Amino acid sequence: DSVKGRFTISRDNAVNKLYLQMNSLKFE
């Protein structure tokens, strides 16, 4: 709940990578 709407998880199976896009970052 603390990251909903701000973070996006995705993966690209073709290049063997996982991602985490983090926007509107907070101190916490």
mmCIF file of all heavy atoms, coordinates in Angstrom:
data_MODEL
# 
_entry.id   MODEL 
# 
loop_
_atom_site.group_PDB 
_atom_site.id 
_atom_site.type_symbol 
_atom_site.label_atom_id 
_atom_site.label_alt_id 
_atom_site.label_comp_id 
_atom_site.label_asym_id 
_atom_site.label_entity_id 
_atom_site.label_seq_id 
_atom_site.pdbx_PDB_ins_code 
_atom_site.Cartn_x 
_atom_site.Cartn_y 
_atom_site.Cartn_z 
_atom_site.occupancy 
_atom_site.B_iso_or_equiv 
_atom_site.pdbx_formal_charge 
_atom_site.auth_seq_id 
_atom_site.auth_comp_id 
_atom_site.auth_asym_id 
_atom_site.auth_atom_id 
_atom_site.pdbx_PDB_model_num 
ATOM 1   N N   . ASP A 1 1  ? 0.828  -1.213  0.000   1.00 0.00 ? 1  ASP A N   1 
ATOM 2   C CA  . ASP A 1 1  ? 0.000  0.000   0.000   1.00 0.00 ? 1  ASP A CA  1 
ATOM 3   C C   . ASP A 1 1  ? 0.862  1.264   0.000   1.00 0.00 ? 1  ASP A C   1 
ATOM 4   O O   . ASP A 1 1  ? 0.482  2.281   -0.590  1.00 0.00 ? 1  ASP A O   1 
ATOM 5   C CB  . ASP A 1 1  ? -0.922 0.001   1.224   1.00 0.00 ? 1  ASP A CB  1 
ATOM 6   C CG  . ASP A 1 1  ? -2.045 -1.014  1.104   1.00 0.00 ? 1  ASP A CG  1 
ATOM 7   O OD1 . ASP A 1 1  ? -2.317 -1.482  -0.024  1.00 0.00 ? 1  ASP A OD1 1 
ATOM 8   O OD2 . ASP A 1 1  ? -2.649 -1.342  2.142   1.00 0.00 ? 1  ASP A OD2 1 
ATOM 9   N N   . SER A 1 2  ? 2.000  1.187   0.645   1.00 0.00 ? 2  SER A N   1 
ATOM 10  C CA  . SER A 1 2  ? 2.848  2.370   0.799   1.00 0.00 ? 2  SER A CA  1 
ATOM 11  C C   . SER A 1 2  ? 3.463  2.845   -0.520  1.00 0.00 ? 2  SER A C   1 
ATOM 12  O O   . SER A 1 2  ? 3.930  3.982   -0.605  1.00 0.00 ? 2  SER A O   1 
ATOM 13  C CB  . SER A 1 2  ? 3.961  2.085   1.805   1.00 0.00 ? 2  SER A CB  1 
ATOM 14  O OG  . SER A 1 2  ? 4.752  0.988   1.381   1.00 0.00 ? 2  SER A OG  1 
ATOM 15  N N   . VAL A 1 3  ? 3.466  1.995   -1.548  1.00 0.00 ? 3  VAL A N   1 
ATOM 16  C CA  . VAL A 1 3  ? 4.088  2.376   -2.819  1.00 0.00 ? 3  VAL A CA  1 
ATOM 17  C C   . VAL A 1 3  ? 3.112  2.389   -3.988  1.00 0.00 ? 3  VAL A C   1 
ATOM 18  O O   . VAL A 1 3  ? 3.487  2.767   -5.102  1.00 0.00 ? 3  VAL A O   1 
ATOM 19  C CB  . VAL A 1 3  ? 5.287  1.467   -3.159  1.00 0.00 ? 3  VAL A CB  1 
ATOM 20  C CG1 . VAL A 1 3  ? 6.275  1.422   -2.004  1.00 0.00 ? 3  VAL A CG1 1 
ATOM 21  C CG2 . VAL A 1 3  ? 4.834  0.073   -3.542  1.00 0.00 ? 3  VAL A CG2 1 
ATOM 22  N N   . LYS A 1 4  ? 1.884  1.988   -3.750  1.00 0.00 ? 4  LYS A N   1 
ATOM 23  C CA  . LYS A 1 4  ? 0.896  1.959   -4.836  1.00 0.00 ? 4  LYS A CA  1 
ATOM 24  C C   . LYS A 1 4  ? 0.725  3.335   -5.459  1.00 0.00 ? 4  LYS A C   1 
ATOM 25  O O   . LYS A 1 4  ? 0.610  4.340   -4.757  1.00 0.00 ? 4  LYS A O   1 
ATOM 26  C CB  . LYS A 1 4  ? -0.451 1.466   -4.304  1.00 0.00 ? 4  LYS A CB  1 
ATOM 27  C CG  . LYS A 1 4  ? -0.581 -0.031  -4.231  1.00 0.00 ? 4  LYS A CG  1 
ATOM 28  C CD  . LYS A 1 4  ? -1.962 -0.439  -3.718  1.00 0.00 ? 4  LYS A CD  1 
ATOM 29  C CE  . LYS A 1 4  ? -2.044 -1.941  -3.576  1.00 0.00 ? 4  LYS A CE  1 
ATOM 30  N NZ  . LYS A 1 4  ? -3.335 -2.383  -2.981  1.00 0.00 ? 4  LYS A NZ  1 
ATOM 31  N N   . GLY A 1 5  ? 0.718  3.350   -6.789  1.00 0.00 ? 5  GLY A N   1 
ATOM 32  C CA  . GLY A 1 5  ? 0.557  4.605   -7.498  1.00 0.00 ? 5  GLY A CA  1 
ATOM 33  C C   . GLY A 1 5  ? 1.862  5.344   -7.719  1.00 0.00 ? 5  GLY A C   1 
ATOM 34  O O   . GLY A 1 5  ? 1.901  6.311   -8.491  1.00 0.00 ? 5  GLY A O   1 
ATOM 35  N N   . ARG A 1 6  ? 2.933  4.913   -7.058  1.00 0.00 ? 6  ARG A N   1 
ATOM 36  C CA  . ARG A 1 6  ? 4.232  5.574   -7.208  1.00 0.00 ? 6  ARG A CA  1 
ATOM 37  C C   . ARG A 1 6  ? 5.272  4.654   -7.833  1.00 0.00 ? 6  ARG A C   1 
ATOM 38  O O   . ARG A 1 6  ? 6.138  5.122   -8.573  1.00 0.00 ? 6  ARG A O   1 
ATOM 39  C CB  . ARG A 1 6  ? 4.741  6.041   -5.837  1.00 0.00 ? 6  ARG A CB  1 
ATOM 40  C CG  . ARG A 1 6  ? 3.836  7.030   -5.148  1.00 0.00 ? 6  ARG A CG  1 
ATOM 41  C CD  . ARG A 1 6  ? 4.495  7.610   -3.890  1.00 0.00 ? 6  ARG A CD  1 
ATOM 42  N NE  . ARG A 1 6  ? 4.796  6.602   -2.889  1.00 0.00 ? 6  ARG A NE  1 
ATOM 43  C CZ  . ARG A 1 6  ? 6.025  6.353   -2.428  1.00 0.00 ? 6  ARG A CZ  1 
ATOM 44  N NH1 . ARG A 1 6  ? 7.064  7.036   -2.862  1.00 0.00 ? 6  ARG A NH1 1 
ATOM 45  N NH2 . ARG A 1 6  ? 6.215  5.416   -1.490  1.00 0.00 ? 6  ARG A NH2 1 
ATOM 46  N N   . PHE A 1 7  ? 5.209  3.366   -7.522  1.00 0.00 ? 7  PHE A N   1 
ATOM 47  C CA  . PHE A 1 7  ? 6.184  2.394   -8.022  1.00 0.00 ? 7  PHE A CA  1 
ATOM 48  C C   . PHE A 1 7  ? 5.533  1.494   -9.064  1.00 0.00 ? 7  PHE A C   1 
ATOM 49  O O   . PHE A 1 7  ? 4.337  1.177   -8.978  1.00 0.00 ? 7  PHE A O   1 
ATOM 50  C CB  . PHE A 1 7  ? 6.702  1.519   -6.891  1.00 0.00 ? 7  PHE A CB  1 
ATOM 51  C CG  . PHE A 1 7  ? 7.593  2.209   -5.883  1.00 0.00 ? 7  PHE A CG  1 
ATOM 52  C CD1 . PHE A 1 7  ? 7.745  3.591   -5.864  1.00 0.00 ? 7  PHE A CD1 1 
ATOM 53  C CD2 . PHE A 1 7  ? 8.287  1.468   -4.946  1.00 0.00 ? 7  PHE A CD2 1 
ATOM 54  C CE1 . PHE A 1 7  ? 8.553  4.229   -4.941  1.00 0.00 ? 7  PHE A CE1 1 
ATOM 55  C CE2 . PHE A 1 7  ? 9.107  2.072   -4.009  1.00 0.00 ? 7  PHE A CE2 1 
ATOM 56  C CZ  . PHE A 1 7  ? 9.228  3.450   -4.005  1.00 0.00 ? 7  PHE A CZ  1 
ATOM 57  N N   . THR A 1 8  ? 6.341  1.057   -10.021 1.00 0.00 ? 8  THR A N   1 
ATOM 58  C CA  . THR A 1 8  ? 5.877  0.115   -11.028 1.00 0.00 ? 8  THR A CA  1 
ATOM 59  C C   . THR A 1 8  ? 6.911  -0.988  -11.196 1.00 0.00 ? 8  THR A C   1 
ATOM 60  O O   . THR A 1 8  ? 8.076  -0.709  -11.487 1.00 0.00 ? 8  THR A O   1 
ATOM 61  C CB  . THR A 1 8  ? 5.653  0.802   -12.377 1.00 0.00 ? 8  THR A CB  1 
ATOM 62  O OG1 . THR A 1 8  ? 4.700  1.862   -12.235 1.00 0.00 ? 8  THR A OG1 1 
ATOM 63  C CG2 . THR A 1 8  ? 5.133  -0.193  -13.404 1.00 0.00 ? 8  THR A CG2 1 
ATOM 64  N N   . ILE A 1 9  ? 6.469  -2.237  -11.023 1.00 0.00 ? 9  ILE A N   1 
ATOM 65  C CA  . ILE A 1 9  ? 7.341  -3.385  -11.229 1.00 0.00 ? 9  ILE A CA  1 
ATOM 66  C C   . ILE A 1 9  ? 7.082  -3.937  -12.621 1.00 0.00 ? 9  ILE A C   1 
ATOM 67  O O   . ILE A 1 9  ? 5.941  -3.965  -13.103 1.00 0.00 ? 9  ILE A O   1 
ATOM 68  C CB  . ILE A 1 9  ? 7.111  -4.469  -10.155 1.00 0.00 ? 9  ILE A CB  1 
ATOM 69  C CG1 . ILE A 1 9  ? 8.162  -5.572  -10.263 1.00 0.00 ? 9  ILE A CG1 1 
ATOM 70  C CG2 . ILE A 1 9  ? 5.698  -5.043  -10.231 1.00 0.00 ? 9  ILE A CG2 1 
ATOM 71  C CD1 . ILE A 1 9  ? 8.118  -6.570  -9.099  1.00 0.00 ? 9  ILE A CD1 1 
ATOM 72  N N   . SER A 1 10 ? 8.151  -4.363  -13.278 1.00 0.00 ? 10 SER A N   1 
ATOM 73  C CA  . SER A 1 10 ? 8.010  -4.963  -14.603 1.00 0.00 ? 10 SER A CA  1 
ATOM 74  C C   . SER A 1 10 ? 9.179  -5.915  -14.833 1.00 0.00 ? 10 SER A C   1 
ATOM 75  O O   . SER A 1 10 ? 10.173 -5.869  -14.108 1.00 0.00 ? 10 SER A O   1 
ATOM 76  C CB  . SER A 1 10 ? 7.964  -3.892  -15.696 1.00 0.00 ? 10 SER A CB  1 
ATOM 77  O OG  . SER A 1 10 ? 9.174  -3.158  -15.724 1.00 0.00 ? 10 SER A OG  1 
ATOM 78  N N   . ARG A 1 11 ? 9.024  -6.761  -15.825 1.00 0.00 ? 11 ARG A N   1 
ATOM 79  C CA  . ARG A 1 11 ? 10.091 -7.677  -16.172 1.00 0.00 ? 11 ARG A CA  1 
ATOM 80  C C   . ARG A 1 11 ? 10.174 -7.814  -17.676 1.00 0.00 ? 11 ARG A C   1 
ATOM 81  O O   . ARG A 1 11 ? 9.159  -7.708  -18.374 1.00 0.00 ? 11 ARG A O   1 
ATOM 82  C CB  . ARG A 1 11 ? 9.890  -9.048  -15.513 1.00 0.00 ? 11 ARG A CB  1 
ATOM 83  C CG  . ARG A 1 11 ? 8.613  -9.763  -15.932 1.00 0.00 ? 11 ARG A CG  1 
ATOM 84  C CD  . ARG A 1 11 ? 8.355  -10.986 -15.050 1.00 0.00 ? 11 ARG A CD  1 
ATOM 85  N NE  . ARG A 1 11 ? 9.334  -12.044 -15.254 1.00 0.00 ? 11 ARG A NE  1 
ATOM 86  C CZ  . ARG A 1 11 ? 9.466  -13.099 -14.445 1.00 0.00 ? 11 ARG A CZ  1 
ATOM 87  N NH1 . ARG A 1 11 ? 8.694  -13.217 -13.372 1.00 0.00 ? 11 ARG A NH1 1 
ATOM 88  N NH2 . ARG A 1 11 ? 10.360 -14.036 -14.706 1.00 0.00 ? 11 ARG A NH2 1 
ATOM 89  N N   . ASP A 1 12 ? 11.373 -8.055  -18.157 1.00 0.00 ? 12 ASP A N   1 
ATOM 90  C CA  . ASP A 1 12 ? 11.599 -8.290  -19.570 1.00 0.00 ? 12 ASP A CA  1 
ATOM 91  C C   . ASP A 1 12 ? 12.251 -9.656  -19.688 1.00 0.00 ? 12 ASP A C   1 
ATOM 92  O O   . ASP A 1 12 ? 13.469 -9.793  -19.498 1.00 0.00 ? 12 ASP A O   1 
ATOM 93  C CB  . ASP A 1 12 ? 12.473 -7.183  -20.169 1.00 0.00 ? 12 ASP A CB  1 
ATOM 94  C CG  . ASP A 1 12 ? 12.579 -7.300  -21.684 1.00 0.00 ? 12 ASP A CG  1 
ATOM 95  O OD1 . ASP A 1 12 ? 12.376 -8.393  -22.215 1.00 0.00 ? 12 ASP A OD1 1 
ATOM 96  O OD2 . ASP A 1 12 ? 12.864 -6.277  -22.331 1.00 0.00 ? 12 ASP A OD2 1 
ATOM 97  N N   . ASN A 1 13 ? 11.447 -10.650 -19.981 1.00 0.00 ? 13 ASN A N   1 
ATOM 98  C CA  . ASN A 1 13 ? 11.967 -12.021 -20.040 1.00 0.00 ? 13 ASN A CA  1 
ATOM 99  C C   . ASN A 1 13 ? 12.939 -12.231 -21.201 1.00 0.00 ? 13 ASN A C   1 
ATOM 100 O O   . ASN A 1 13 ? 13.717 -13.177 -21.195 1.00 0.00 ? 13 ASN A O   1 
ATOM 101 C CB  . ASN A 1 13 ? 10.811 -13.009 -20.125 1.00 0.00 ? 13 ASN A CB  1 
ATOM 102 C CG  . ASN A 1 13 ? 10.006 -13.064 -18.830 1.00 0.00 ? 13 ASN A CG  1 
ATOM 103 O OD1 . ASN A 1 13 ? 10.423 -12.536 -17.802 1.00 0.00 ? 13 ASN A OD1 1 
ATOM 104 N ND2 . ASN A 1 13 ? 8.842  -13.676 -18.888 1.00 0.00 ? 13 ASN A ND2 1 
ATOM 105 N N   . ALA A 1 14 ? 12.889 -11.369 -22.181 1.00 0.00 ? 14 ALA A N   1 
ATOM 106 C CA  . ALA A 1 14 ? 13.781 -11.516 -23.332 1.00 0.00 ? 14 ALA A CA  1 
ATOM 107 C C   . ALA A 1 14 ? 15.223 -11.145 -22.992 1.00 0.00 ? 14 ALA A C   1 
ATOM 108 O O   . ALA A 1 14 ? 16.159 -11.634 -23.642 1.00 0.00 ? 14 ALA A O   1 
ATOM 109 C CB  . ALA A 1 14 ? 13.288 -10.655 -24.488 1.00 0.00 ? 14 ALA A CB  1 
ATOM 110 N N   . VAL A 1 15 ? 15.381 -10.269 -21.988 1.00 0.00 ? 15 VAL A N   1 
ATOM 111 C CA  . VAL A 1 15 ? 16.734 -9.841  -21.612 1.00 0.00 ? 15 VAL A CA  1 
ATOM 112 C C   . VAL A 1 15 ? 17.080 -10.214 -20.184 1.00 0.00 ? 15 VAL A C   1 
ATOM 113 O O   . VAL A 1 15 ? 18.091 -9.768  -19.641 1.00 0.00 ? 15 VAL A O   1 
ATOM 114 C CB  . VAL A 1 15 ? 16.924 -8.325  -21.824 1.00 0.00 ? 15 VAL A CB  1 
ATOM 115 C CG1 . VAL A 1 15 ? 16.767 -7.983  -23.289 1.00 0.00 ? 15 VAL A CG1 1 
ATOM 116 C CG2 . VAL A 1 15 ? 15.962 -7.516  -20.976 1.00 0.00 ? 15 VAL A CG2 1 
ATOM 117 N N   . ASN A 1 16 ? 16.228 -11.043 -19.556 1.00 0.00 ? 16 ASN A N   1 
ATOM 118 C CA  . ASN A 1 16 ? 16.491 -11.576 -18.210 1.00 0.00 ? 16 ASN A CA  1 
ATOM 119 C C   . ASN A 1 16 ? 16.649 -10.478 -17.168 1.00 0.00 ? 16 ASN A C   1 
ATOM 120 O O   . ASN A 1 16 ? 17.595 -10.481 -16.356 1.00 0.00 ? 16 ASN A O   1 
ATOM 121 C CB  . ASN A 1 16 ? 17.752 -12.454 -18.221 1.00 0.00 ? 16 ASN A CB  1 
ATOM 122 C CG  . ASN A 1 16 ? 17.655 -13.594 -19.208 1.00 0.00 ? 16 ASN A CG  1 
ATOM 123 O OD1 . ASN A 1 16 ? 16.570 -14.053 -19.525 1.00 0.00 ? 16 ASN A OD1 1 
ATOM 124 N ND2 . ASN A 1 16 ? 18.794 -14.042 -19.700 1.00 0.00 ? 16 ASN A ND2 1 
ATOM 125 N N   . LYS A 1 17 ? 15.694 -9.544  -17.165 1.00 0.00 ? 17 LYS A N   1 
ATOM 126 C CA  . LYS A 1 17 ? 15.785 -8.448  -16.203 1.00 0.00 ? 17 LYS A CA  1 
ATOM 127 C C   . LYS A 1 17 ? 14.447 -8.128  -15.544 1.00 0.00 ? 17 LYS A C   1 
ATOM 128 O O   . LYS A 1 17 ? 13.387 -8.243  -16.151 1.00 0.00 ? 17 LYS A O   1 
ATOM 129 C CB  . LYS A 1 17 ? 16.333 -7.186  -16.863 1.00 0.00 ? 17 LYS A CB  1 
ATOM 130 C CG  . LYS A 1 17 ? 17.844 -7.237  -17.104 1.00 0.00 ? 17 LYS A CG  1 
ATOM 131 C CD  . LYS A 1 17 ? 18.396 -5.861  -17.432 1.00 0.00 ? 17 LYS A CD  1 
ATOM 132 C CE  . LYS A 1 17 ? 19.911 -5.906  -17.507 1.00 0.00 ? 17 LYS A CE  1 
ATOM 133 N NZ  . LYS A 1 17 ? 20.491 -4.573  -17.802 1.00 0.00 ? 17 LYS A NZ  1 
ATOM 134 N N   . LEU A 1 18 ? 14.539 -7.720  -14.304 1.00 0.00 ? 18 LEU A N   1 
ATOM 135 C CA  . LEU A 1 18 ? 13.418 -7.235  -13.516 1.00 0.00 ? 18 LEU A CA  1 
ATOM 136 C C   . LEU A 1 18 ? 13.675 -5.768  -13.227 1.00 0.00 ? 18 LEU A C   1 
ATOM 137 O O   . LEU A 1 18 ? 14.830 -5.373  -13.018 1.00 0.00 ? 18 LEU A O   1 
ATOM 138 C CB  . LEU A 1 18 ? 13.322 -8.008  -12.198 1.00 0.00 ? 18 LEU A CB  1 
ATOM 139 C CG  . LEU A 1 18 ? 12.280 -7.548  -11.183 1.00 0.00 ? 18 LEU A CG  1 
ATOM 140 C CD1 . LEU A 1 18 ? 10.881 -7.937  -11.658 1.00 0.00 ? 18 LEU A CD1 1 
ATOM 141 C CD2 . LEU A 1 18 ? 12.569 -8.166  -9.819  1.00 0.00 ? 18 LEU A CD2 1 
ATOM 142 N N   . TYR A 1 19 ? 12.603 -4.978  -13.201 1.00 0.00 ? 19 TYR A N   1 
ATOM 143 C CA  . TYR A 1 19 ? 12.747 -3.542  -12.963 1.00 0.00 ? 19 TYR A CA  1 
ATOM 144 C C   . TYR A 1 19 ? 11.804 -3.073  -11.858 1.00 0.00 ? 19 TYR A C   1 
ATOM 145 O O   . TYR A 1 19 ? 10.776 -3.680  -11.583 1.00 0.00 ? 19 TYR A O   1 
ATOM 146 C CB  . TYR A 1 19 ? 12.433 -2.757  -14.234 1.00 0.00 ? 19 TYR A CB  1 
ATOM 147 C CG  . TYR A 1 19 ? 13.267 -3.144  -15.424 1.00 0.00 ? 19 TYR A CG  1 
ATOM 148 C CD1 . TYR A 1 19 ? 12.750 -3.969  -16.424 1.00 0.00 ? 19 TYR A CD1 1 
ATOM 149 C CD2 . TYR A 1 19 ? 14.577 -2.689  -15.556 1.00 0.00 ? 19 TYR A CD2 1 
ATOM 150 C CE1 . TYR A 1 19 ? 13.517 -4.333  -17.520 1.00 0.00 ? 19 TYR A CE1 1 
ATOM 151 C CE2 . TYR A 1 19 ? 15.345 -3.047  -16.652 1.00 0.00 ? 19 TYR A CE2 1 
ATOM 152 C CZ  . TYR A 1 19 ? 14.808 -3.861  -17.623 1.00 0.00 ? 19 TYR A CZ  1 
ATOM 153 O OH  . TYR A 1 19 ? 15.575 -4.219  -18.710 1.00 0.00 ? 19 TYR A OH  1 
ATOM 154 N N   . LEU A 1 20 ? 12.198 -1.942  -11.264 1.00 0.00 ? 20 LEU A N   1 
ATOM 155 C CA  . LEU A 1 20 ? 11.310 -1.238  -10.347 1.00 0.00 ? 20 LEU A CA  1 
ATOM 156 C C   . LEU A 1 20 ? 11.451 0.251   -10.625 1.00 0.00 ? 20 LEU A C   1 
ATOM 157 O O   . LEU A 1 20 ? 12.479 0.847   -10.307 1.00 0.00 ? 20 LEU A O   1 
ATOM 158 C CB  . LEU A 1 20 ? 11.640 -1.539  -8.884  1.00 0.00 ? 20 LEU A CB  1 
ATOM 159 C CG  . LEU A 1 20 ? 10.664 -0.927  -7.869  1.00 0.00 ? 20 LEU A CG  1 
ATOM 160 C CD1 . LEU A 1 20 ? 9.292  -1.593  -7.979  1.00 0.00 ? 20 LEU A CD1 1 
ATOM 161 C CD2 . LEU A 1 20 ? 11.203 -1.058  -6.445  1.00 0.00 ? 20 LEU A CD2 1 
ATOM 162 N N   . GLN A 1 21 ? 10.440 0.818   -11.247 1.00 0.00 ? 21 GLN A N   1 
ATOM 163 C CA  . GLN A 1 21 ? 10.412 2.257   -11.486 1.00 0.00 ? 21 GLN A CA  1 
ATOM 164 C C   . GLN A 1 21 ? 9.809  2.928   -10.259 1.00 0.00 ? 21 GLN A C   1 
ATOM 165 O O   . GLN A 1 21 ? 8.675  2.632   -9.881  1.00 0.00 ? 21 GLN A O   1 
ATOM 166 C CB  . GLN A 1 21 ? 9.582  2.581   -12.731 1.00 0.00 ? 21 GLN A CB  1 
ATOM 167 C CG  . GLN A 1 21 ? 9.463  4.057   -13.027 1.00 0.00 ? 21 GLN A CG  1 
ATOM 168 C CD  . GLN A 1 21 ? 10.786 4.702   -13.406 1.00 0.00 ? 21 GLN A CD  1 
ATOM 169 O OE1 . GLN A 1 21 ? 11.546 4.143   -14.189 1.00 0.00 ? 21 GLN A OE1 1 
ATOM 170 N NE2 . GLN A 1 21 ? 11.060 5.872   -12.847 1.00 0.00 ? 21 GLN A NE2 1 
ATOM 171 N N   . MET A 1 22 ? 10.578 3.819   -9.660  1.00 0.00 ? 22 MET A N   1 
ATOM 172 C CA  . MET A 1 22 ? 10.144 4.479   -8.430  1.00 0.00 ? 22 MET A CA  1 
ATOM 173 C C   . MET A 1 22 ? 10.012 5.973   -8.682  1.00 0.00 ? 22 MET A C   1 
ATOM 174 O O   . MET A 1 22 ? 11.004 6.641   -8.987  1.00 0.00 ? 22 MET A O   1 
ATOM 175 C CB  . MET A 1 22 ? 11.155 4.210   -7.311  1.00 0.00 ? 22 MET A CB  1 
ATOM 176 C CG  . MET A 1 22 ? 11.419 2.738   -7.061  1.00 0.00 ? 22 MET A CG  1 
ATOM 177 S SD  . MET A 1 22 ? 12.478 2.429   -5.634  1.00 0.00 ? 22 MET A SD  1 
ATOM 178 C CE  . MET A 1 22 ? 13.994 3.194   -6.185  1.00 0.00 ? 22 MET A CE  1 
ATOM 179 N N   . ASN A 1 23 ? 8.805  6.480   -8.584  1.00 0.00 ? 23 ASN A N   1 
ATOM 180 C CA  . ASN A 1 23 ? 8.526  7.896   -8.777  1.00 0.00 ? 23 ASN A CA  1 
ATOM 181 C C   . ASN A 1 23 ? 8.033  8.514   -7.480  1.00 0.00 ? 23 ASN A C   1 
ATOM 182 O O   . ASN A 1 23 ? 7.634  7.815   -6.562  1.00 0.00 ? 23 ASN A O   1 
ATOM 183 C CB  . ASN A 1 23 ? 7.481  8.077   -9.871  1.00 0.00 ? 23 ASN A CB  1 
ATOM 184 C CG  . ASN A 1 23 ? 7.924  7.556   -11.217 1.00 0.00 ? 23 ASN A CG  1 
ATOM 185 O OD1 . ASN A 1 23 ? 9.114  7.571   -11.555 1.00 0.00 ? 23 ASN A OD1 1 
ATOM 186 N ND2 . ASN A 1 23 ? 6.974  7.085   -12.002 1.00 0.00 ? 23 ASN A ND2 1 
ATOM 187 N N   . SER A 1 24 ? 8.062  9.825   -7.422  1.00 0.00 ? 24 SER A N   1 
ATOM 188 C CA  . SER A 1 24 ? 7.582  10.566  -6.244  1.00 0.00 ? 24 SER A CA  1 
ATOM 189 C C   . SER A 1 24 ? 8.167  9.990   -4.960  1.00 0.00 ? 24 SER A C   1 
ATOM 190 O O   . SER A 1 24 ? 7.454  9.732   -3.985  1.00 0.00 ? 24 SER A O   1 
ATOM 191 C CB  . SER A 1 24 ? 6.048  10.530  -6.184  1.00 0.00 ? 24 SER A CB  1 
ATOM 192 O OG  . SER A 1 24 ? 5.480  11.070  -7.364  1.00 0.00 ? 24 SER A OG  1 
ATOM 193 N N   . LEU A 1 25 ? 9.468  9.794   -4.973  1.00 0.00 ? 25 LEU A N   1 
ATOM 194 C CA  . LEU A 1 25 ? 10.128 9.170   -3.834  1.00 0.00 ? 25 LEU A CA  1 
ATOM 195 C C   . LEU A 1 25 ? 10.009 10.014  -2.576  1.00 0.00 ? 25 LEU A C   1 
ATOM 196 O O   . LEU A 1 25 ? 10.030 11.251  -2.620  1.00 0.00 ? 25 LEU A O   1 
ATOM 197 C CB  . LEU A 1 25 ? 11.599 8.904   -4.169  1.00 0.00 ? 25 LEU A CB  1 
ATOM 198 C CG  . LEU A 1 25 ? 11.817 7.671   -5.060  1.00 0.00 ? 25 LEU A CG  1 
ATOM 199 C CD1 . LEU A 1 25 ? 13.179 7.719   -5.725  1.00 0.00 ? 25 LEU A CD1 1 
ATOM 200 C CD2 . LEU A 1 25 ? 11.657 6.397   -4.250  1.00 0.00 ? 25 LEU A CD2 1 
ATOM 201 N N   . LYS A 1 26 ? 9.878  9.305   -1.461  1.00 0.00 ? 26 LYS A N   1 
ATOM 202 C CA  . LYS A 1 26 ? 9.750  9.941   -0.160  1.00 0.00 ? 26 LYS A CA  1 
ATOM 203 C C   . LYS A 1 26 ? 10.932 9.539   0.720   1.00 0.00 ? 26 LYS A C   1 
ATOM 204 O O   . LYS A 1 26 ? 11.572 8.509   0.480   1.00 0.00 ? 26 LYS A O   1 
ATOM 205 C CB  . LYS A 1 26 ? 8.449  9.500   0.521   1.00 0.00 ? 26 LYS A CB  1 
ATOM 206 C CG  . LYS A 1 26 ? 7.190  9.766   -0.282  1.00 0.00 ? 26 LYS A CG  1 
ATOM 207 C CD  . LYS A 1 26 ? 5.976  9.200   0.428   1.00 0.00 ? 26 LYS A CD  1 
ATOM 208 C CE  . LYS A 1 26 ? 4.700  9.445   -0.373  1.00 0.00 ? 26 LYS A CE  1 
ATOM 209 N NZ  . LYS A 1 26 ? 3.508  8.884   0.318   1.00 0.00 ? 26 LYS A NZ  1 
ATOM 210 N N   . PHE A 1 27 ? 11.162 10.321  1.755   1.00 0.00 ? 27 PHE A N   1 
ATOM 211 C CA  . PHE A 1 27 ? 12.257 10.015  2.666   1.00 0.00 ? 27 PHE A CA  1 
ATOM 212 C C   . PHE A 1 27 ? 12.111 8.596   3.215   1.00 0.00 ? 27 PHE A C   1 
ATOM 213 O O   . PHE A 1 27 ? 13.097 7.871   3.354   1.00 0.00 ? 27 PHE A O   1 
ATOM 214 C CB  . PHE A 1 27 ? 12.266 11.023  3.812   1.00 0.00 ? 27 PHE A CB  1 
ATOM 215 C CG  . PHE A 1 27 ? 13.277 10.716  4.871   1.00 0.00 ? 27 PHE A CG  1 
ATOM 216 C CD1 . PHE A 1 27 ? 14.622 10.945  4.656   1.00 0.00 ? 27 PHE A CD1 1 
ATOM 217 C CD2 . PHE A 1 27 ? 12.880 10.175  6.087   1.00 0.00 ? 27 PHE A CD2 1 
ATOM 218 C CE1 . PHE A 1 27 ? 15.566 10.655  5.634   1.00 0.00 ? 27 PHE A CE1 1 
ATOM 219 C CE2 . PHE A 1 27 ? 13.811 9.881   7.070   1.00 0.00 ? 27 PHE A CE2 1 
ATOM 220 C CZ  . PHE A 1 27 ? 15.158 10.121  6.838   1.00 0.00 ? 27 PHE A CZ  1 
ATOM 221 N N   . GLU A 1 28 ? 10.878 8.196   3.486   1.00 0.00 ? 28 GLU A N   1 
ATOM 222 C CA  . GLU A 1 28 ? 10.642 6.870   4.072   1.00 0.00 ? 28 GLU A CA  1 
ATOM 223 C C   . GLU A 1 28 ? 10.861 5.712   3.096   1.00 0.00 ? 28 GLU A C   1 
ATOM 224 O O   . GLU A 1 28 ? 10.755 4.551   3.484   1.00 0.00 ? 28 GLU A O   1 
ATOM 225 C CB  . GLU A 1 28 ? 9.225  6.784   4.673   1.00 0.00 ? 28 GLU A CB  1 
ATOM 226 C CG  . GLU A 1 28 ? 8.134  7.240   3.746   1.00 0.00 ? 28 GLU A CG  1 
ATOM 227 C CD  . GLU A 1 28 ? 7.757  8.694   3.979   1.00 0.00 ? 28 GLU A CD  1 
ATOM 228 O OE1 . GLU A 1 28 ? 8.662  9.532   4.203   1.00 0.00 ? 28 GLU A OE1 1 
ATOM 229 O OE2 . GLU A 1 28 ? 6.547  8.995   3.916   1.00 0.00 ? 28 GLU A OE2 1 
# 
